[in-house]
Full PDB file with SEQRES, HELIX, SHEET, SSBOND, CRYST1, ORIGX, SCALE, CONECT and MASTER records, all heavy atoms in Angstrom:
SEQRES   1 A   37  ARG GLY LEU PRO SER ASP GLY LYS VAL ILE THR LEU GLU          
SEQRES   2 A   37  LEU ASP PRO HIS HIS ALA GLU VAL ALA GLU ALA ASN ILE          
SEQRES   3 A   37  ALA HIS ALA GLY LEU GLY HIS MET ILE GLN ILE                  
HELIX    1 AA1 PRO A   16  HIS A   28  1                                  13    
SHEET    1 AA1 2 VAL A   9  ILE A  10  0                                        
SHEET    2 AA1 2 ILE A  35  GLN A  36  1                                        
CRYST1    1.000    1.000    1.000  90.00  90.00  90.00 P 1           1          
ORIGX1      1.000000  0.000000  0.000000        0.00000                         
ORIGX2      0.000000  1.000000  0.000000        0.00000                         
ORIGX3      0.000000  0.000000  1.000000        0.00000                         
SCALE1      1.000000  0.000000  0.000000        0.00000                         
SCALE2      0.000000  1.000000  0.000000        0.00000                         
SCALE3      0.000000  0.000000  1.000000        0.00000                         
ATOM      1  N   ARG A   1      42.984  86.729 -21.110  1.00  0.00           N  
ATOM      2  CA  ARG A   1      42.808  85.558 -21.921  1.00  0.00           C  
ATOM      3  C   ARG A   1      41.391  85.184 -22.162  1.00  0.00           C  
ATOM      4  O   ARG A   1      41.053  84.421 -23.076  1.00  0.00           O  
ATOM      5  CB  ARG A   1      43.601  84.376 -21.337  1.00  0.00           C  
ATOM      6  CG  ARG A   1      45.068  84.431 -21.471  1.00  0.00           C  
ATOM      7  CD  ARG A   1      45.768  83.242 -20.832  1.00  0.00           C  
ATOM      8  NE  ARG A   1      47.145  83.067 -21.188  1.00  0.00           N  
ATOM      9  CZ  ARG A   1      47.845  82.070 -20.825  1.00  0.00           C  
ATOM     10  NH1 ARG A   1      47.330  81.109 -20.045  1.00  0.00           N  
ATOM     11  NH2 ARG A   1      49.133  81.959 -21.157  1.00  0.00           N  
ATOM     12  N   GLY A   2      40.485  85.766 -21.300  1.00  0.00           N  
ATOM     13  CA  GLY A   2      39.059  85.417 -21.479  1.00  0.00           C  
ATOM     14  C   GLY A   2      38.361  86.378 -22.347  1.00  0.00           C  
ATOM     15  O   GLY A   2      37.150  86.289 -22.619  1.00  0.00           O  
ATOM     16  N   LEU A   3      39.076  87.448 -22.817  1.00  0.00           N  
ATOM     17  CA  LEU A   3      38.427  88.508 -23.635  1.00  0.00           C  
ATOM     18  C   LEU A   3      38.573  88.161 -25.095  1.00  0.00           C  
ATOM     19  O   LEU A   3      39.459  87.465 -25.540  1.00  0.00           O  
ATOM     20  CB  LEU A   3      39.207  89.845 -23.387  1.00  0.00           C  
ATOM     21  CG  LEU A   3      39.015  90.435 -21.956  1.00  0.00           C  
ATOM     22  CD1 LEU A   3      39.937  91.638 -21.854  1.00  0.00           C  
ATOM     23  CD2 LEU A   3      37.530  90.847 -21.718  1.00  0.00           C  
ATOM     24  N   PRO A   4      37.718  88.794 -25.942  1.00  0.00           N  
ATOM     25  CA  PRO A   4      37.881  88.692 -27.359  1.00  0.00           C  
ATOM     26  C   PRO A   4      39.139  89.424 -27.868  1.00  0.00           C  
ATOM     27  O   PRO A   4      39.744  90.137 -27.021  1.00  0.00           O  
ATOM     28  CB  PRO A   4      36.571  89.271 -27.909  1.00  0.00           C  
ATOM     29  CG  PRO A   4      36.170  90.274 -26.790  1.00  0.00           C  
ATOM     30  CD  PRO A   4      36.539  89.604 -25.541  1.00  0.00           C  
ATOM     31  N   SER A   5      39.492  89.258 -29.040  1.00  0.00           N  
ATOM     32  CA  SER A   5      40.754  89.812 -29.567  1.00  0.00           C  
ATOM     33  C   SER A   5      40.803  91.358 -29.470  1.00  0.00           C  
ATOM     34  O   SER A   5      41.863  91.874 -29.379  1.00  0.00           O  
ATOM     35  CB  SER A   5      40.960  89.386 -31.052  1.00  0.00           C  
ATOM     36  OG  SER A   5      39.870  89.778 -31.817  1.00  0.00           O  
ATOM     37  N   ASP A   6      39.652  91.920 -29.495  1.00  0.00           N  
ATOM     38  CA  ASP A   6      39.579  93.407 -29.375  1.00  0.00           C  
ATOM     39  C   ASP A   6      39.316  93.866 -27.969  1.00  0.00           C  
ATOM     40  O   ASP A   6      38.923  95.044 -27.791  1.00  0.00           O  
ATOM     41  CB  ASP A   6      38.589  93.996 -30.365  1.00  0.00           C  
ATOM     42  CG  ASP A   6      37.152  93.498 -30.163  1.00  0.00           C  
ATOM     43  OD1 ASP A   6      37.013  92.493 -29.435  1.00  0.00           O  
ATOM     44  OD2 ASP A   6      36.230  94.082 -30.678  1.00  0.00           O  
ATOM     45  N   GLY A   7      39.388  92.979 -26.953  1.00  0.00           N  
ATOM     46  CA  GLY A   7      39.148  93.324 -25.596  1.00  0.00           C  
ATOM     47  C   GLY A   7      40.228  94.106 -24.944  1.00  0.00           C  
ATOM     48  O   GLY A   7      41.360  94.298 -25.561  1.00  0.00           O  
ATOM     49  N   LYS A   8      39.929  94.720 -23.814  1.00  0.00           N  
ATOM     50  CA  LYS A   8      40.912  95.658 -23.140  1.00  0.00           C  
ATOM     51  C   LYS A   8      40.814  95.406 -21.636  1.00  0.00           C  
ATOM     52  O   LYS A   8      39.709  95.415 -21.065  1.00  0.00           O  
ATOM     53  CB  LYS A   8      40.562  97.062 -23.529  1.00  0.00           C  
ATOM     54  CG  LYS A   8      41.442  98.152 -22.933  1.00  0.00           C  
ATOM     55  CD  LYS A   8      42.763  98.277 -23.669  1.00  0.00           C  
ATOM     56  CE  LYS A   8      43.576  99.443 -23.179  1.00  0.00           C  
ATOM     57  NZ  LYS A   8      44.849  99.600 -23.924  1.00  0.00           N  
ATOM     58  N   VAL A   9      41.991  95.381 -20.966  1.00  0.00           N  
ATOM     59  CA  VAL A   9      42.069  95.422 -19.536  1.00  0.00           C  
ATOM     60  C   VAL A   9      42.823  96.707 -19.160  1.00  0.00           C  
ATOM     61  O   VAL A   9      43.960  96.913 -19.652  1.00  0.00           O  
ATOM     62  CB  VAL A   9      42.779  94.201 -18.934  1.00  0.00           C  
ATOM     63  CG1 VAL A   9      42.842  94.352 -17.384  1.00  0.00           C  
ATOM     64  CG2 VAL A   9      42.127  92.933 -19.330  1.00  0.00           C  
ATOM     65  N   ILE A  10      42.318  97.524 -18.274  1.00  0.00           N  
ATOM     66  CA  ILE A  10      43.023  98.572 -17.624  1.00  0.00           C  
ATOM     67  C   ILE A  10      43.262  98.114 -16.208  1.00  0.00           C  
ATOM     68  O   ILE A  10      42.333  97.803 -15.465  1.00  0.00           O  
ATOM     69  CB  ILE A  10      42.271  99.937 -17.694  1.00  0.00           C  
ATOM     70  CG1 ILE A  10      42.103 100.406 -19.137  1.00  0.00           C  
ATOM     71  CG2 ILE A  10      43.015 100.982 -16.821  1.00  0.00           C  
ATOM     72  CD1 ILE A  10      41.387 101.724 -19.294  1.00  0.00           C  
ATOM     73  N   THR A  11      44.544  98.068 -15.811  1.00  0.00           N  
ATOM     74  CA  THR A  11      44.859  97.615 -14.465  1.00  0.00           C  
ATOM     75  C   THR A  11      45.679  98.672 -13.701  1.00  0.00           C  
ATOM     76  O   THR A  11      46.539  99.288 -14.300  1.00  0.00           O  
ATOM     77  CB  THR A  11      45.589  96.265 -14.528  1.00  0.00           C  
ATOM     78  OG1 THR A  11      45.844  95.729 -13.221  1.00  0.00           O  
ATOM     79  CG2 THR A  11      46.937  96.308 -15.308  1.00  0.00           C  
ATOM     80  N   LEU A  12      45.404  98.840 -12.455  1.00  0.00           N  
ATOM     81  CA  LEU A  12      46.003  99.916 -11.666  1.00  0.00           C  
ATOM     82  C   LEU A  12      46.941  99.303 -10.635  1.00  0.00           C  
ATOM     83  O   LEU A  12      46.572  98.418  -9.878  1.00  0.00           O  
ATOM     84  CB  LEU A  12      44.921 100.735 -10.949  1.00  0.00           C  
ATOM     85  CG  LEU A  12      43.699 101.199 -11.807  1.00  0.00           C  
ATOM     86  CD1 LEU A  12      42.754 101.975 -10.935  1.00  0.00           C  
ATOM     87  CD2 LEU A  12      44.144 101.987 -13.021  1.00  0.00           C  
ATOM     88  N   GLU A  13      48.175  99.889 -10.560  1.00  0.00           N  
ATOM     89  CA  GLU A  13      49.133  99.415  -9.588  1.00  0.00           C  
ATOM     90  C   GLU A  13      49.865 100.501  -8.962  1.00  0.00           C  
ATOM     91  O   GLU A  13      50.412 101.453  -9.647  1.00  0.00           O  
ATOM     92  CB  GLU A  13      50.119  98.468 -10.328  1.00  0.00           C  
ATOM     93  CG  GLU A  13      51.289  97.951  -9.418  1.00  0.00           C  
ATOM     94  CD  GLU A  13      50.836  97.287  -8.162  1.00  0.00           C  
ATOM     95  OE1 GLU A  13      49.908  96.449  -8.214  1.00  0.00           O  
ATOM     96  OE2 GLU A  13      51.318  97.644  -7.064  1.00  0.00           O  
ATOM     97  N   LEU A  14      49.948 100.515  -7.636  1.00  0.00           N  
ATOM     98  CA  LEU A  14      50.638 101.652  -6.929  1.00  0.00           C  
ATOM     99  C   LEU A  14      52.097 101.509  -6.996  1.00  0.00           C  
ATOM    100  O   LEU A  14      52.816 102.558  -7.238  1.00  0.00           O  
ATOM    101  CB  LEU A  14      50.239 101.534  -5.472  1.00  0.00           C  
ATOM    102  CG  LEU A  14      51.002 102.418  -4.474  1.00  0.00           C  
ATOM    103  CD1 LEU A  14      50.716 103.885  -4.736  1.00  0.00           C  
ATOM    104  CD2 LEU A  14      50.645 102.103  -3.045  1.00  0.00           C  
ATOM    105  N   ASP A  15      52.716 100.391  -6.858  1.00  0.00           N  
ATOM    106  CA  ASP A  15      54.145 100.155  -6.759  1.00  0.00           C  
ATOM    107  C   ASP A  15      54.842 100.093  -8.129  1.00  0.00           C  
ATOM    108  O   ASP A  15      54.511  99.155  -8.912  1.00  0.00           O  
ATOM    109  CB  ASP A  15      54.433  98.877  -5.950  1.00  0.00           C  
ATOM    110  CG  ASP A  15      55.889  98.692  -5.548  1.00  0.00           C  
ATOM    111  OD1 ASP A  15      56.762  98.790  -6.439  1.00  0.00           O  
ATOM    112  OD2 ASP A  15      56.104  98.415  -4.383  1.00  0.00           O  
ATOM    113  N   PRO A  16      55.755 100.974  -8.474  1.00  0.00           N  
ATOM    114  CA  PRO A  16      56.418 100.937  -9.745  1.00  0.00           C  
ATOM    115  C   PRO A  16      57.150  99.661 -10.027  1.00  0.00           C  
ATOM    116  O   PRO A  16      57.238  99.205 -11.165  1.00  0.00           O  
ATOM    117  CB  PRO A  16      57.349 102.153  -9.726  1.00  0.00           C  
ATOM    118  CG  PRO A  16      56.793 103.065  -8.694  1.00  0.00           C  
ATOM    119  CD  PRO A  16      56.159 102.167  -7.648  1.00  0.00           C  
ATOM    120  N   HIS A  17      57.783  99.096  -8.939  1.00  0.00           N  
ATOM    121  CA  HIS A  17      58.470  97.783  -9.079  1.00  0.00           C  
ATOM    122  C   HIS A  17      57.510  96.698  -9.494  1.00  0.00           C  
ATOM    123  O   HIS A  17      57.793  95.928 -10.453  1.00  0.00           O  
ATOM    124  CB  HIS A  17      59.206  97.463  -7.817  1.00  0.00           C  
ATOM    125  CG  HIS A  17      59.853  96.104  -7.838  1.00  0.00           C  
ATOM    126  ND1 HIS A  17      60.777  95.727  -8.771  1.00  0.00           N  
ATOM    127  CD2 HIS A  17      59.679  95.018  -7.028  1.00  0.00           C  
ATOM    128  CE1 HIS A  17      61.215  94.465  -8.567  1.00  0.00           C  
ATOM    129  NE2 HIS A  17      60.520  94.026  -7.510  1.00  0.00           N  
ATOM    130  N   HIS A  18      56.381  96.604  -8.807  1.00  0.00           N  
ATOM    131  CA  HIS A  18      55.399  95.609  -9.157  1.00  0.00           C  
ATOM    132  C   HIS A  18      54.908  95.817 -10.651  1.00  0.00           C  
ATOM    133  O   HIS A  18      54.793  94.886 -11.377  1.00  0.00           O  
ATOM    134  CB  HIS A  18      54.138  95.705  -8.232  1.00  0.00           C  
ATOM    135  CG  HIS A  18      54.442  95.370  -6.834  1.00  0.00           C  
ATOM    136  ND1 HIS A  18      53.457  95.454  -5.883  1.00  0.00           N  
ATOM    137  CD2 HIS A  18      55.542  94.953  -6.250  1.00  0.00           C  
ATOM    138  CE1 HIS A  18      53.984  95.082  -4.669  1.00  0.00           C  
ATOM    139  NE2 HIS A  18      55.288  94.772  -4.904  1.00  0.00           N  
ATOM    140  N   ALA A  19      54.688  97.059 -10.961  1.00  0.00           N  
ATOM    141  CA  ALA A  19      54.232  97.376 -12.364  1.00  0.00           C  
ATOM    142  C   ALA A  19      55.284  96.949 -13.385  1.00  0.00           C  
ATOM    143  O   ALA A  19      54.890  96.435 -14.480  1.00  0.00           O  
ATOM    144  CB  ALA A  19      53.869  98.829 -12.478  1.00  0.00           C  
ATOM    145  N   GLU A  20      56.549  97.142 -13.065  1.00  0.00           N  
ATOM    146  CA  GLU A  20      57.613  96.758 -13.983  1.00  0.00           C  
ATOM    147  C   GLU A  20      57.627  95.238 -14.231  1.00  0.00           C  
ATOM    148  O   GLU A  20      57.734  94.808 -15.334  1.00  0.00           O  
ATOM    149  CB  GLU A  20      58.945  97.260 -13.457  1.00  0.00           C  
ATOM    150  CG  GLU A  20      60.103  96.940 -14.392  1.00  0.00           C  
ATOM    151  CD  GLU A  20      61.481  97.423 -13.787  1.00  0.00           C  
ATOM    152  OE1 GLU A  20      61.486  97.948 -12.689  1.00  0.00           O  
ATOM    153  OE2 GLU A  20      62.475  97.288 -14.482  1.00  0.00           O  
ATOM    154  N   VAL A  21      57.476  94.534 -13.112  1.00  0.00           N  
ATOM    155  CA  VAL A  21      57.444  93.044 -13.221  1.00  0.00           C  
ATOM    156  C   VAL A  21      56.204  92.658 -13.997  1.00  0.00           C  
ATOM    157  O   VAL A  21      56.284  91.755 -14.888  1.00  0.00           O  
ATOM    158  CB  VAL A  21      57.421  92.412 -11.799  1.00  0.00           C  
ATOM    159  CG1 VAL A  21      57.295  90.940 -11.915  1.00  0.00           C  
ATOM    160  CG2 VAL A  21      58.787  92.777 -11.088  1.00  0.00           C  
ATOM    161  N   ALA A  22      55.067  93.247 -13.694  1.00  0.00           N  
ATOM    162  CA  ALA A  22      53.838  92.877 -14.422  1.00  0.00           C  
ATOM    163  C   ALA A  22      53.946  93.185 -15.884  1.00  0.00           C  
ATOM    164  O   ALA A  22      53.521  92.395 -16.755  1.00  0.00           O  
ATOM    165  CB  ALA A  22      52.672  93.726 -13.819  1.00  0.00           C  
ATOM    166  N   GLU A  23      54.571  94.336 -16.254  1.00  0.00           N  
ATOM    167  CA  GLU A  23      54.734  94.649 -17.650  1.00  0.00           C  
ATOM    168  C   GLU A  23      55.538  93.593 -18.465  1.00  0.00           C  
ATOM    169  O   GLU A  23      55.162  93.183 -19.536  1.00  0.00           O  
ATOM    170  CB  GLU A  23      55.402  96.016 -17.846  1.00  0.00           C  
ATOM    171  CG  GLU A  23      55.463  96.535 -19.245  1.00  0.00           C  
ATOM    172  CD  GLU A  23      56.013  97.934 -19.334  1.00  0.00           C  
ATOM    173  OE1 GLU A  23      56.532  98.443 -18.352  1.00  0.00           O  
ATOM    174  OE2 GLU A  23      55.856  98.570 -20.377  1.00  0.00           O  
ATOM    175  N   ALA A  24      56.627  93.097 -17.769  1.00  0.00           N  
ATOM    176  CA  ALA A  24      57.437  92.041 -18.356  1.00  0.00           C  
ATOM    177  C   ALA A  24      56.626  90.774 -18.501  1.00  0.00           C  
ATOM    178  O   ALA A  24      56.745  90.091 -19.526  1.00  0.00           O  
ATOM    179  CB  ALA A  24      58.711  91.852 -17.596  1.00  0.00           C  
ATOM    180  N   ASN A  25      55.890  90.436 -17.432  1.00  0.00           N  
ATOM    181  CA  ASN A  25      55.083  89.204 -17.496  1.00  0.00           C  
ATOM    182  C   ASN A  25      54.039  89.310 -18.614  1.00  0.00           C  
ATOM    183  O   ASN A  25      53.788  88.275 -19.292  1.00  0.00           O  
ATOM    184  CB  ASN A  25      54.427  88.983 -16.157  1.00  0.00           C  
ATOM    185  CG  ASN A  25      55.330  88.538 -15.099  1.00  0.00           C  
ATOM    186  OD1 ASN A  25      56.400  87.934 -15.367  1.00  0.00           O  
ATOM    187  ND2 ASN A  25      55.024  88.825 -13.807  1.00  0.00           N  
ATOM    188  N   ILE A  26      53.407  90.413 -18.697  1.00  0.00           N  
ATOM    189  CA  ILE A  26      52.338  90.590 -19.749  1.00  0.00           C  
ATOM    190  C   ILE A  26      52.886  90.481 -21.113  1.00  0.00           C  
ATOM    191  O   ILE A  26      52.297  89.889 -22.061  1.00  0.00           O  
ATOM    192  CB  ILE A  26      51.574  91.887 -19.495  1.00  0.00           C  
ATOM    193  CG1 ILE A  26      50.752  91.833 -18.199  1.00  0.00           C  
ATOM    194  CG2 ILE A  26      50.767  92.329 -20.706  1.00  0.00           C  
ATOM    195  CD1 ILE A  26      50.312  93.129 -17.677  1.00  0.00           C  
ATOM    196  N   ALA A  27      54.083  91.094 -21.327  1.00  0.00           N  
ATOM    197  CA  ALA A  27      54.792  91.007 -22.635  1.00  0.00           C  
ATOM    198  C   ALA A  27      55.116  89.554 -22.900  1.00  0.00           C  
ATOM    199  O   ALA A  27      54.982  89.064 -24.011  1.00  0.00           O  
ATOM    200  CB  ALA A  27      56.028  91.829 -22.614  1.00  0.00           C  
ATOM    201  N   HIS A  28      55.571  88.794 -21.946  1.00  0.00           N  
ATOM    202  CA  HIS A  28      55.913  87.438 -22.075  1.00  0.00           C  
ATOM    203  C   HIS A  28      54.693  86.593 -22.505  1.00  0.00           C  
ATOM    204  O   HIS A  28      54.803  85.650 -23.273  1.00  0.00           O  
ATOM    205  CB  HIS A  28      56.539  86.843 -20.754  1.00  0.00           C  
ATOM    206  CG  HIS A  28      56.855  85.390 -20.789  1.00  0.00           C  
ATOM    207  ND1 HIS A  28      57.765  84.880 -21.761  1.00  0.00           N  
ATOM    208  CD2 HIS A  28      56.546  84.400 -20.032  1.00  0.00           C  
ATOM    209  CE1 HIS A  28      57.912  83.596 -21.562  1.00  0.00           C  
ATOM    210  NE2 HIS A  28      57.200  83.252 -20.505  1.00  0.00           N  
ATOM    211  N   ALA A  29      53.552  86.960 -21.970  1.00  0.00           N  
ATOM    212  CA  ALA A  29      52.249  86.322 -22.304  1.00  0.00           C  
ATOM    213  C   ALA A  29      51.703  86.757 -23.638  1.00  0.00           C  
ATOM    214  O   ALA A  29      50.701  86.187 -24.108  1.00  0.00           O  
ATOM    215  CB  ALA A  29      51.254  86.536 -21.229  1.00  0.00           C  
ATOM    216  N   GLY A  30      52.403  87.744 -24.293  1.00  0.00           N  
ATOM    217  CA  GLY A  30      51.892  88.262 -25.593  1.00  0.00           C  
ATOM    218  C   GLY A  30      50.661  89.016 -25.588  1.00  0.00           C  
ATOM    219  O   GLY A  30      49.863  89.046 -26.533  1.00  0.00           O  
ATOM    220  N   LEU A  31      50.389  89.699 -24.437  1.00  0.00           N  
ATOM    221  CA  LEU A  31      49.183  90.377 -24.169  1.00  0.00           C  
ATOM    222  C   LEU A  31      49.282  91.891 -24.014  1.00  0.00           C  
ATOM    223  O   LEU A  31      48.361  92.585 -23.621  1.00  0.00           O  
ATOM    224  CB  LEU A  31      48.397  89.744 -23.029  1.00  0.00           C  
ATOM    225  CG  LEU A  31      47.947  88.338 -23.171  1.00  0.00           C  
ATOM    226  CD1 LEU A  31      47.471  87.775 -21.855  1.00  0.00           C  
ATOM    227  CD2 LEU A  31      46.874  88.224 -24.209  1.00  0.00           C  
ATOM    228  N   GLY A  32      50.474  92.375 -24.338  1.00  0.00           N  
ATOM    229  CA  GLY A  32      50.705  93.839 -24.185  1.00  0.00           C  
ATOM    230  C   GLY A  32      49.758  94.699 -24.940  1.00  0.00           C  
ATOM    231  O   GLY A  32      49.486  95.832 -24.467  1.00  0.00           O  
ATOM    232  N   HIS A  33      49.286  94.239 -26.077  1.00  0.00           N  
ATOM    233  CA  HIS A  33      48.314  95.037 -26.856  1.00  0.00           C  
ATOM    234  C   HIS A  33      46.935  95.102 -26.277  1.00  0.00           C  
ATOM    235  O   HIS A  33      46.164  95.991 -26.633  1.00  0.00           O  
ATOM    236  CB  HIS A  33      48.195  94.440 -28.283  1.00  0.00           C  
ATOM    237  CG  HIS A  33      47.672  93.042 -28.304  1.00  0.00           C  
ATOM    238  ND1 HIS A  33      48.298  91.913 -27.833  1.00  0.00           N  
ATOM    239  CD2 HIS A  33      46.457  92.578 -28.763  1.00  0.00           C  
ATOM    240  CE1 HIS A  33      47.563  90.862 -27.932  1.00  0.00           C  
ATOM    241  NE2 HIS A  33      46.463  91.222 -28.536  1.00  0.00           N  
ATOM    242  N   MET A  34      46.645  94.252 -25.278  1.00  0.00           N  
ATOM    243  CA  MET A  34      45.314  94.225 -24.675  1.00  0.00           C  
ATOM    244  C   MET A  34      45.277  94.813 -23.272  1.00  0.00           C  
ATOM    245  O   MET A  34      44.182  95.020 -22.750  1.00  0.00           O  
ATOM    246  CB  MET A  34      44.791  92.814 -24.610  1.00  0.00           C  
ATOM    247  CG  MET A  34      44.620  92.100 -25.956  1.00  0.00           C  
ATOM    248  SD  MET A  34      44.111  90.359 -25.734  1.00  0.00           S  
ATOM    249  CE  MET A  34      42.429  90.669 -25.120  1.00  0.00           C  
ATOM    250  N   ILE A  35      46.459  95.094 -22.639  1.00  0.00           N  
ATOM    251  CA  ILE A  35      46.491  95.437 -21.252  1.00  0.00           C  
ATOM    252  C   ILE A  35      47.247  96.715 -21.055  1.00  0.00           C  
ATOM    253  O   ILE A  35      48.384  96.902 -21.615  1.00  0.00           O  
ATOM    254  CB  ILE A  35      47.178  94.298 -20.445  1.00  0.00           C  
ATOM    255  CG1 ILE A  35      46.441  93.009 -20.522  1.00  0.00           C  
ATOM    256  CG2 ILE A  35      47.311  94.792 -18.966  1.00  0.00           C  
ATOM    257  CD1 ILE A  35      47.129  91.829 -19.998  1.00  0.00           C  
ATOM    258  N   GLN A  36      46.659  97.681 -20.389  1.00  0.00           N  
ATOM    259  CA  GLN A  36      47.255  98.949 -20.072  1.00  0.00           C  
ATOM    260  C   GLN A  36      47.453  99.011 -18.565  1.00  0.00           C  
ATOM    261  O   GLN A  36      46.474  98.869 -17.779  1.00  0.00           O  
ATOM    262  CB  GLN A  36      46.428 100.137 -20.457  1.00  0.00           C  
ATOM    263  CG  GLN A  36      46.974 101.433 -20.025  1.00  0.00           C  
ATOM    264  CD  GLN A  36      46.060 102.680 -20.246  1.00  0.00           C  
ATOM    265  OE1 GLN A  36      44.870 102.463 -20.386  1.00  0.00           O  
ATOM    266  NE2 GLN A  36      46.588 103.854 -20.158  1.00  0.00           N  
ATOM    267  N   ILE A  37      48.696  99.173 -18.116  1.00  0.00           N  
ATOM    268  CA  ILE A  37      48.976  99.374 -16.655  1.00  0.00           C  
ATOM    269  C   ILE A  37      49.109 100.832 -16.336  1.00  0.00           C  
ATOM    270  O   ILE A  37      49.888 101.560 -17.009  1.00  0.00           O  
ATOM    271  CB  ILE A  37      50.303  98.642 -16.239  1.00  0.00           C  
ATOM    272  CG1 ILE A  37      50.230  97.162 -16.567  1.00  0.00           C  
ATOM    273  CG2 ILE A  37      50.524  98.780 -14.757  1.00  0.00           C  
ATOM    274  CD1 ILE A  37      51.568  96.476 -16.405  1.00  0.00           C  
TER     275      ILE A  37                                                      
MASTER        0    0    0    1    2    0    0    6  274    1    0    3          
END                                                                             
């Protein structure tokens, strides 16, 4: 949310369950286009 519209976050997660929850949360926040897990 602190990035400009063309910003990008790459985030690394070991646990597939955590990543699945994070992906749903990020989609809920409308930021899927800015974040790669």
